[in-house]
């Protein structure tokens, strides 16, 4: 780990271009679908296409991530995503793209990410000292945030001036840069048990055992899953809130995404600060859960003339969510055996996203029958309650004390 900063600099430089190009393509597809259809169902179905591979494959991908060489896994996964984007580009160039083809290729791109994401997250504790994991998580959030800031802006501009085929090719270039950077680093793999034959179901059970073997961690996971259940469908409603309720344009829809990304950038910078290593991480999780709930609730109370206030609240929500997710990832990385982290992250993705499917399928019904404002209010109140109750859950609070007592000694710069 003596050269961990150099290693991360090389990895992050490649991942930045990959994340940025994926963000541009992702938002460009959303803009294109919004302009072509204006349908909340189409937006919800496209998000389902992205989420389903994580849900279906999540139980299994971690098993292979923990077995295989993690660097090679990331390179192959990035290459597969690039191939899917290239196929989409060809279809757009041919002018014969259909909705089912978009859904299918979005799902295939996501399948590649279902291998890449847990492989990357599981590699971090093997590359950086434990005392630096909050710092690493903060910088990682900042890189994602820059992509979220530039992605919507560039996506909107590219949709206006370029054919979608050319836009899809950006993802191919980004993936190529990411794969090239990974070839210049060494990522260690955790030690494997000797004389133990591979067995998928046994390894899945082991991963689940690592997740729920500690009472405090299992309670915390339950809270995070509930919050995710409300956050993901609400995320699908943000563009509709801007366009349908506030009467905004594609530019204003992009502005909301940019402000969310700016908030995440600020949140990532906060997480990376040195003093954050000494703060009780459970307090951070609970407080940010409460703040997210208040932000959603406030959005649901706004009049149609308060778009600027909506933008401000969105920015605050980005700050809070960045701190929330960055801290949660560090908790998993410090409490779980590195040899099981691939399974834990992929299984968590699967379990946490599964309950969001009914909400996404009902997005059209929510927007038309329940109302956009009521959807934000319900999500906000539910998230707020989870954050408050977590303070009264002794196993969760005890987990924070255990982590605090363990301490994290400073390392040399």
Protein backbone atom coordinates (compact mmCIF):
# COMPACT_ATOMS: atom_id res chain seq x y z
CA UNK A 1 0.00 0.00 0.00
CA UNK A 2 3.04 2.30 -0.02
CA UNK A 3 2.14 3.54 -3.52
CA UNK A 4 -1.63 3.62 -2.99
CA UNK A 5 -1.94 7.29 -4.01
CA UNK A 6 -0.16 6.70 -7.32
CA UNK A 7 -2.32 3.63 -7.99
CA UNK A 8 -5.54 5.52 -7.30
CA UNK A 9 -4.43 8.47 -9.41
CA UNK A 10 -3.98 6.18 -12.42
CA UNK A 11 -7.25 4.31 -11.80
CA UNK A 12 -9.26 7.48 -11.14
CA UNK A 13 -7.92 9.22 -14.26
CA UNK A 14 -9.29 6.41 -16.42
CA UNK A 15 -12.49 5.99 -14.44
CA UNK A 16 -13.19 9.71 -14.68
CA UNK A 17 -13.35 9.59 -18.48
CA UNK A 18 -15.45 6.43 -18.32
CA UNK A 19 -17.89 7.93 -15.80
CA UNK A 20 -18.09 11.21 -17.70
CA UNK A 21 -18.80 9.56 -21.05
CA UNK A 22 -21.38 7.25 -19.44
CA UNK A 23 -23.04 10.24 -17.77
CA UNK A 24 -23.19 12.12 -21.08
CA UNK A 25 -24.69 9.10 -22.84
CA UNK A 26 -27.10 8.34 -19.97
CA UNK A 27 -28.50 11.85 -19.79
CA UNK A 28 -28.56 12.17 -23.58
CA UNK A 29 -30.73 9.05 -23.78
CA UNK A 30 -33.07 10.48 -21.10
CA UNK A 31 -33.30 13.82 -22.95
CA UNK A 32 -33.91 12.02 -26.24
CA UNK A 33 -36.63 9.81 -24.74
CA UNK A 34 -38.24 12.82 -23.03
CA UNK A 35 -38.36 14.81 -26.27
CA UNK A 36 -39.43 11.86 -28.42
CA UNK A 37 -42.15 10.47 -26.14
CA UNK A 38 -42.79 12.75 -23.16
CA UNK A 39 -44.04 9.63 -21.41
CA UNK A 40 -43.36 8.94 -17.70
CA UNK A 41 -43.80 5.23 -18.43
CA UNK A 42 -41.02 5.25 -21.02
CA UNK A 43 -38.64 6.97 -18.58
CA UNK A 44 -39.58 4.48 -15.87
CA UNK A 45 -39.08 1.51 -18.22
CA UNK A 46 -35.66 2.80 -19.27
CA UNK A 47 -34.66 3.04 -15.61
CA UNK A 48 -35.97 -0.48 -15.07
CA UNK A 49 -33.79 -1.66 -17.95
CA UNK A 50 -30.79 -0.17 -16.16
CA UNK A 51 -31.70 -1.56 -12.73
CA UNK A 52 -32.87 -5.08 -13.60
CA UNK A 53 -29.39 -6.49 -14.36
CA UNK A 54 -28.19 -5.33 -10.93
CA UNK A 55 -31.19 -7.03 -9.34
CA UNK A 56 -31.10 -10.27 -11.33
CA UNK A 57 -27.34 -10.66 -11.62
CA UNK A 58 -26.49 -9.12 -8.26
CA UNK A 59 -26.79 -12.40 -6.38
CA UNK A 60 -24.24 -14.04 -8.68
CA UNK A 61 -21.80 -11.40 -9.95
CA UNK A 62 -20.16 -10.96 -6.56
CA UNK A 63 -19.31 -14.67 -6.42
CA UNK A 64 -17.30 -14.36 -9.62
CA UNK A 65 -15.81 -11.00 -8.65
CA UNK A 66 -14.41 -12.61 -5.48
CA UNK A 67 -13.11 -15.58 -7.51
CA UNK A 68 -11.66 -13.83 -10.54
CA UNK A 69 -8.81 -11.39 -10.97
CA UNK A 70 -10.49 -8.08 -10.15
CA UNK A 71 -8.47 -5.94 -12.54
CA UNK A 72 -9.21 -8.28 -15.44
CA UNK A 73 -12.90 -8.33 -14.45
CA UNK A 74 -13.10 -4.53 -14.64
CA UNK A 75 -11.35 -4.42 -18.01
CA UNK A 76 -13.66 -7.04 -19.54
CA UNK A 77 -16.74 -5.38 -18.06
CA UNK A 78 -15.76 -1.94 -19.41
CA UNK A 79 -15.07 -3.46 -22.84
CA UNK A 80 -18.50 -5.12 -22.88
CA UNK A 81 -20.20 -1.81 -22.02
CA UNK A 82 -18.30 -0.17 -24.88
CA UNK A 83 -19.47 -2.89 -27.27
CA UNK A 84 -23.12 -2.33 -26.30
CA UNK A 85 -22.76 1.43 -26.80
CA UNK A 86 -21.18 0.79 -30.21
CA UNK A 87 -24.17 -1.34 -31.25
CA UNK A 88 -26.56 1.40 -30.12
CA UNK A 89 -24.54 3.92 -32.15
CA UNK A 90 -24.85 1.77 -35.27
CA UNK A 91 -28.62 1.45 -34.81
CA UNK A 92 -28.98 5.22 -34.43
CA UNK A 93 -26.84 5.79 -37.53
CA UNK A 94 -29.08 3.38 -39.46
CA UNK A 95 -32.14 5.35 -38.36
CA UNK A 96 -34.08 2.21 -37.39
CA UNK A 97 -33.85 2.34 -33.61
CA UNK A 98 -36.85 1.01 -31.71
CA UNK A 99 -37.76 1.30 -28.03
CA UNK A 100 -37.25 -2.38 -27.27
CA UNK A 101 -33.73 -2.19 -28.73
CA UNK A 102 -32.91 0.77 -26.49
CA UNK A 103 -34.24 -1.08 -23.44
CA UNK A 104 -32.29 -4.23 -24.33
CA UNK A 105 -28.96 -2.51 -24.91
CA UNK A 106 -29.37 -0.34 -21.81
CA UNK A 107 -29.90 -3.57 -19.88
CA UNK A 108 -26.80 -5.17 -21.43
CA UNK A 109 -24.69 -2.08 -20.62
CA UNK A 110 -25.93 -2.32 -17.07
CA UNK A 111 -25.02 -6.02 -16.95
CA UNK A 112 -21.41 -5.04 -17.60
CA UNK A 113 -21.60 -2.47 -14.80
CA UNK A 114 -23.03 -5.17 -12.50
CA UNK A 115 -19.60 -6.81 -12.67
CA UNK A 116 -17.49 -3.65 -12.78
CA UNK A 117 -19.04 -1.79 -9.81
CA UNK A 118 -18.60 -4.45 -7.09
CA UNK A 119 -15.14 -5.31 -8.44
CA UNK A 120 -14.07 -1.68 -8.06
CA UNK A 121 -15.67 -1.21 -4.62
CA UNK A 122 -14.25 -4.49 -3.33
CA UNK A 123 -10.73 -3.57 -4.51
CA UNK A 124 -10.54 -0.31 -2.55
CA UNK A 125 -9.70 -1.81 0.90
CA UNK A 126 -6.91 -3.81 -0.74
CA UNK A 127 -5.38 -0.69 -2.27
CA UNK A 128 -5.68 1.96 0.48
CA UNK A 129 -5.07 1.92 4.26
CA UNK A 130 -8.25 1.58 6.35
CA UNK A 131 -7.70 5.01 7.88
CA UNK A 132 -7.90 6.57 4.41
CA UNK A 133 -11.11 4.89 3.23
CA UNK A 134 -13.32 7.91 4.07
CA UNK A 135 -10.93 10.10 2.10
CA UNK A 136 -10.99 7.70 -0.85
CA UNK A 137 -14.80 7.51 -0.71
CA UNK A 138 -15.02 11.30 -0.70
CA UNK A 139 -12.74 11.67 -3.72
CA UNK A 140 -14.67 8.93 -5.53
CA UNK A 141 -17.92 10.80 -4.82
CA UNK A 142 -16.33 13.98 -6.16
CA UNK A 143 -15.34 12.27 -9.41
CA UNK A 144 -18.87 10.92 -9.81
CA UNK A 145 -20.20 14.39 -9.02
CA UNK A 146 -18.13 16.09 -11.70
CA UNK A 147 -19.55 13.56 -14.15
CA UNK A 148 -23.07 14.31 -12.88
CA UNK A 149 -22.45 18.04 -13.32
CA UNK A 150 -20.94 17.87 -16.80
CA UNK A 151 -23.06 14.93 -18.00
CA UNK A 152 -26.45 16.69 -18.14
CA UNK A 153 -25.01 19.90 -19.57
CA UNK A 154 -22.99 18.15 -22.27
CA UNK A 155 -25.77 15.62 -22.86
CA UNK A 156 -28.28 18.39 -23.55
CA UNK A 157 -25.84 20.22 -25.84
CA UNK A 158 -24.90 17.07 -27.73
CA UNK A 159 -28.55 16.08 -28.26
CA UNK A 160 -29.18 19.52 -29.75
CA UNK A 161 -26.20 19.50 -32.11
CA UNK A 162 -25.18 15.87 -32.77
CA UNK A 163 -26.81 12.70 -33.95
CA UNK A 164 -27.38 10.18 -31.15
CA UNK A 165 -25.05 7.76 -32.94
CA UNK A 166 -22.07 10.09 -32.43
CA UNK A 167 -23.05 10.61 -28.78
CA UNK A 168 -23.04 6.87 -28.11
CA UNK A 169 -19.49 6.68 -29.46
CA UNK A 170 -18.32 8.88 -26.57
CA UNK A 171 -19.00 5.94 -24.26
CA UNK A 172 -16.77 3.73 -26.40
CA UNK A 173 -13.90 6.21 -26.12
CA UNK A 174 -14.38 6.60 -22.35
CA UNK A 175 -14.34 2.84 -21.79
CA UNK A 176 -11.18 2.49 -23.90
CA UNK A 177 -9.40 5.08 -21.75
CA UNK A 178 -10.54 3.33 -18.53
CA UNK A 179 -9.31 -0.06 -19.75
CA UNK A 180 -5.95 1.40 -20.78
CA UNK A 181 -5.40 3.00 -17.36
CA UNK A 182 -6.13 -0.30 -15.58
CA UNK A 183 -3.34 -1.98 -17.53
CA UNK A 184 -0.78 0.23 -15.77
CA UNK A 185 -1.68 -0.77 -12.20
CA UNK A 186 -1.61 -3.88 -10.06
CA UNK A 187 -4.74 -4.67 -8.05
CA UNK A 188 -4.18 -7.35 -5.41
CA UNK A 189 -6.73 -10.10 -4.95
CA UNK A 190 -7.75 -11.33 -1.49
CA UNK A 191 -6.39 -14.62 -0.24
CA UNK A 192 -8.64 -17.54 -1.12
CA UNK A 193 -9.34 -20.59 0.99
CA UNK A 194 -7.25 -23.54 -0.11
CA UNK A 195 -8.74 -26.92 -0.97
CA UNK A 196 -12.26 -25.48 -1.15
CA UNK A 197 -14.16 -26.34 -4.33
CA UNK A 198 -16.11 -23.45 -5.91
CA UNK A 199 -19.83 -23.63 -5.20
CA UNK A 200 -22.06 -20.72 -6.21
CA UNK A 201 -24.89 -21.21 -3.71
CA UNK A 202 -22.53 -21.80 -0.80
CA UNK A 203 -20.60 -18.67 -1.67
CA UNK A 204 -23.82 -16.66 -1.97
CA UNK A 205 -24.86 -17.86 1.50
CA UNK A 206 -21.43 -16.86 2.82
CA UNK A 207 -21.89 -13.38 1.35
CA UNK A 208 -25.33 -13.03 2.93
CA UNK A 209 -23.87 -14.29 6.21
CA UNK A 210 -21.24 -11.53 6.12
CA UNK A 211 -23.97 -8.94 5.51
CA UNK A 212 -26.36 -10.01 8.25
CA UNK A 213 -24.02 -11.79 10.68
CA UNK A 214 -23.56 -8.62 12.72
CA UNK A 215 -26.81 -7.40 14.28
CA UNK A 216 -26.05 -3.69 14.04
CA UNK A 217 -24.96 -3.97 10.41
CA UNK A 218 -28.08 -5.96 9.48
CA UNK A 219 -30.32 -3.31 11.08
CA UNK A 220 -28.43 -0.58 9.23
CA UNK A 221 -28.79 -2.44 5.93
CA UNK A 222 -32.55 -2.69 6.51
CA UNK A 223 -32.72 1.10 6.98
CA UNK A 224 -30.67 1.76 3.85
CA UNK A 225 -32.85 -0.60 1.80
CA UNK A 226 -36.01 1.24 2.94
CA UNK A 227 -34.47 4.61 2.04
CA UNK A 228 -33.44 3.24 -1.37
CA UNK A 229 -37.00 1.99 -1.92
CA UNK A 230 -38.27 5.58 -1.78
CA UNK A 231 -35.29 7.34 -3.39
CA UNK A 232 -35.10 5.45 -6.70
CA UNK A 233 -38.71 6.04 -7.88
CA UNK A 234 -38.43 9.69 -6.79
CA UNK A 235 -35.28 9.97 -8.91
CA UNK A 236 -37.34 8.91 -11.94
CA UNK A 237 -39.83 11.71 -11.20
CA UNK A 238 -37.30 14.57 -11.06
CA UNK A 239 -37.38 15.28 -14.84
CA UNK A 240 -41.19 15.15 -14.81
CA UNK A 241 -41.32 17.47 -11.80
CA UNK A 242 -39.24 20.02 -13.72
CA UNK A 243 -41.14 19.77 -17.00
CA UNK A 244 -44.73 18.94 -16.01
CA UNK A 245 -45.11 20.74 -12.67
CA UNK A 246 -42.76 23.71 -12.97
CA UNK A 247 -43.30 24.02 -16.74
CA UNK A 248 -39.58 23.94 -17.39
CA UNK A 249 -37.56 23.18 -20.51
CA UNK A 250 -34.87 20.64 -21.31
CA UNK A 251 -32.36 23.29 -20.22
CA UNK A 252 -34.00 23.59 -16.80
CA UNK A 253 -34.15 19.79 -16.51
CA UNK A 254 -30.41 19.74 -17.14
CA UNK A 255 -29.93 22.58 -14.63
CA UNK A 256 -31.56 20.49 -11.89
CA UNK A 257 -29.23 17.58 -12.65
CA UNK A 258 -26.20 19.89 -12.69
CA UNK A 259 -27.16 21.35 -9.31
CA UNK A 260 -27.66 17.85 -7.89
CA UNK A 261 -24.20 16.93 -9.16
CA UNK A 262 -22.73 20.15 -7.74
CA UNK A 263 -24.19 19.24 -4.36
CA UNK A 264 -22.66 15.77 -4.61
CA UNK A 265 -19.30 17.36 -5.43
CA UNK A 266 -19.49 19.46 -2.26
CA UNK A 267 -20.61 16.42 -0.26
CA UNK A 268 -17.71 14.37 -1.59
CA UNK A 269 -15.28 17.13 -0.62
CA UNK A 270 -16.72 17.11 2.91
CA UNK A 271 -16.38 13.31 3.18
CA UNK A 272 -12.74 13.50 2.11
CA UNK A 273 -11.83 15.97 4.87
CA UNK A 274 -9.48 14.56 7.47
CA UNK A 275 -11.72 15.23 10.48
CA UNK A 276 -14.45 12.99 8.98
CA UNK A 277 -12.32 9.93 9.87
CA UNK A 278 -12.94 10.57 13.56
CA UNK A 279 -16.68 11.31 13.44
CA UNK A 280 -19.14 8.56 14.46
CA UNK A 281 -20.23 7.22 11.07
CA UNK A 282 -23.63 6.07 12.34
CA UNK A 283 -24.42 9.64 13.41
CA UNK A 284 -23.51 10.77 9.90
CA UNK A 285 -25.80 8.14 8.32
CA UNK A 286 -28.77 8.95 10.59
CA UNK A 287 -28.49 12.73 10.30
CA UNK A 288 -28.15 12.65 6.50
CA UNK A 289 -31.17 10.31 6.29
CA UNK A 290 -33.23 12.87 8.21
CA UNK A 291 -31.98 15.71 6.01
CA UNK A 292 -32.83 13.78 2.82
CA UNK A 293 -36.33 13.16 4.13
CA UNK A 294 -36.78 16.87 4.89
CA UNK A 295 -35.52 17.78 1.39
CA UNK A 296 -38.00 15.45 -0.37
CA UNK A 297 -40.82 16.64 1.88
CA UNK A 298 -40.00 20.30 1.17
CA UNK A 299 -40.03 19.64 -2.60
CA UNK A 300 -43.58 18.32 -2.32
CA UNK A 301 -44.77 21.51 -0.62
CA UNK A 302 -43.51 23.95 -3.26
CA UNK A 303 -45.84 26.03 -5.45
CA UNK A 304 -45.40 25.87 -9.23
CA UNK A 305 -43.70 29.29 -9.18
CA UNK A 306 -40.89 28.15 -6.86
CA UNK A 307 -38.56 26.50 -9.36
CA UNK A 308 -35.53 28.37 -7.98
CA UNK A 309 -36.28 27.04 -4.49
CA UNK A 310 -36.58 23.54 -6.00
CA UNK A 311 -33.11 23.95 -7.52
CA UNK A 312 -31.67 25.06 -4.15
CA UNK A 313 -33.26 22.12 -2.31
CA UNK A 314 -31.99 19.77 -5.02
CA UNK A 315 -28.46 21.07 -4.48
CA UNK A 316 -28.74 20.49 -0.73
CA UNK A 317 -30.10 17.01 -1.43
CA UNK A 318 -27.04 16.29 -3.55
CA UNK A 319 -24.70 17.32 -0.72
CA UNK A 320 -26.52 15.16 1.81
CA UNK A 321 -26.87 12.08 -0.42
CA UNK A 322 -23.17 12.17 -1.32
CA UNK A 323 -22.18 12.15 2.36
CA UNK A 324 -24.77 9.43 3.07
CA UNK A 325 -23.66 6.98 0.37
CA UNK A 326 -19.94 7.65 0.80
CA UNK A 327 -20.17 6.92 4.53
CA UNK A 328 -22.26 3.79 4.00
CA UNK A 329 -19.74 2.34 1.54
CA UNK A 330 -16.92 2.94 4.03
CA UNK A 331 -18.89 1.18 6.79
CA UNK A 332 -19.20 -1.91 4.57
CA UNK A 333 -15.54 -1.75 3.54
CA UNK A 334 -14.39 -1.62 7.16
CA UNK A 335 -16.80 -4.18 8.65
CA UNK A 336 -16.69 -6.86 5.92
CA UNK A 337 -13.86 -9.28 5.09
CA UNK A 338 -12.23 -8.08 1.81
CA UNK A 339 -12.50 -11.64 0.43
CA UNK A 340 -16.31 -11.35 0.61
CA UNK A 341 -16.75 -7.70 -0.38
CA UNK A 342 -17.53 -8.46 -4.03
CA UNK A 343 -20.45 -10.65 -2.96
CA UNK A 344 -21.61 -8.22 -0.31
CA UNK A 345 -21.73 -5.22 -2.65
CA UNK A 346 -23.44 -7.13 -5.47
CA UNK A 347 -25.96 -8.83 -3.15
CA UNK A 348 -26.67 -5.50 -1.46
CA UNK A 349 -27.36 -3.92 -4.86
CA UNK A 350 -29.74 -6.74 -5.69
CA UNK A 351 -31.61 -6.75 -2.37
CA UNK A 352 -31.85 -2.97 -2.03
CA UNK A 353 -33.06 -2.34 -5.58
CA UNK A 354 -35.60 -5.18 -5.72
CA UNK A 355 -38.27 -3.35 -3.67
CA UNK A 356 -37.98 -0.31 -5.97
CA UNK A 357 -39.40 -2.22 -8.97
CA UNK A 358 -43.09 -1.85 -7.94
CA UNK A 359 -42.49 1.87 -7.41
CA UNK A 360 -40.91 2.30 -10.84
CA UNK A 361 -43.65 0.27 -12.53
CA UNK A 362 -46.19 2.53 -10.84
CA UNK A 363 -44.39 5.75 -11.82
CA UNK A 364 -46.99 6.60 -14.44
CA UNK A 365 -49.80 5.89 -11.98
CA UNK A 366 -48.06 7.94 -9.27
CA UNK A 367 -47.59 10.92 -11.60
CA UNK A 368 -51.13 10.82 -12.94
CA UNK A 369 -53.23 9.61 -9.99
CA UNK A 370 -51.38 10.32 -6.75
CA UNK A 371 -49.65 13.44 -8.03
CA UNK A 372 -45.99 14.41 -8.22
CA UNK A 373 -46.14 16.56 -5.09
CA UNK A 374 -47.75 13.83 -2.99
CA UNK A 375 -45.13 11.33 -4.17
CA UNK A 376 -42.35 13.63 -2.89
CA UNK A 377 -44.19 14.22 0.40
CA UNK A 378 -44.74 10.49 1.07
CA UNK A 379 -41.11 9.65 0.22
CA UNK A 380 -39.87 12.52 2.39
CA UNK A 381 -41.92 11.58 5.45
CA UNK A 382 -41.00 7.89 5.16
CA UNK A 383 -37.27 8.68 4.85
CA UNK A 384 -37.48 11.12 7.76
CA UNK A 385 -39.10 8.47 9.98
CA UNK A 386 -36.37 5.94 9.13
CA UNK A 387 -33.66 8.43 10.12
CA UNK A 388 -35.34 9.24 13.43
CA UNK A 389 -36.05 5.61 14.35
CA UNK A 390 -32.43 4.66 13.60
CA UNK A 391 -31.32 6.85 16.51
CA UNK A 392 -33.46 4.68 18.81
CA UNK A 393 -32.24 1.34 17.41
CA UNK A 394 -29.64 0.16 19.95
CA UNK A 395 -27.85 -2.31 17.61
CA UNK A 396 -27.29 0.46 15.06
CA UNK A 397 -26.03 2.94 17.64
CA UNK A 398 -23.82 0.24 19.20
CA UNK A 399 -22.26 -0.38 15.79
CA UNK A 400 -21.21 3.26 15.71
CA UNK A 401 -19.64 2.97 19.17
CA UNK A 402 -17.74 -0.17 18.19
CA UNK A 403 -16.32 1.51 15.09
CA UNK A 404 -15.46 4.63 17.09
CA UNK A 405 -13.74 2.59 19.82
CA UNK A 406 -11.75 0.65 17.24
CA UNK A 407 -10.28 3.89 15.96
CA UNK A 408 -8.43 4.53 12.76
CA UNK A 409 -4.79 5.54 13.18
CA UNK A 410 -3.47 8.20 10.89
CA UNK A 411 -1.07 7.13 8.16
CA UNK A 412 1.75 9.00 6.55
CA UNK A 413 1.00 11.17 3.60
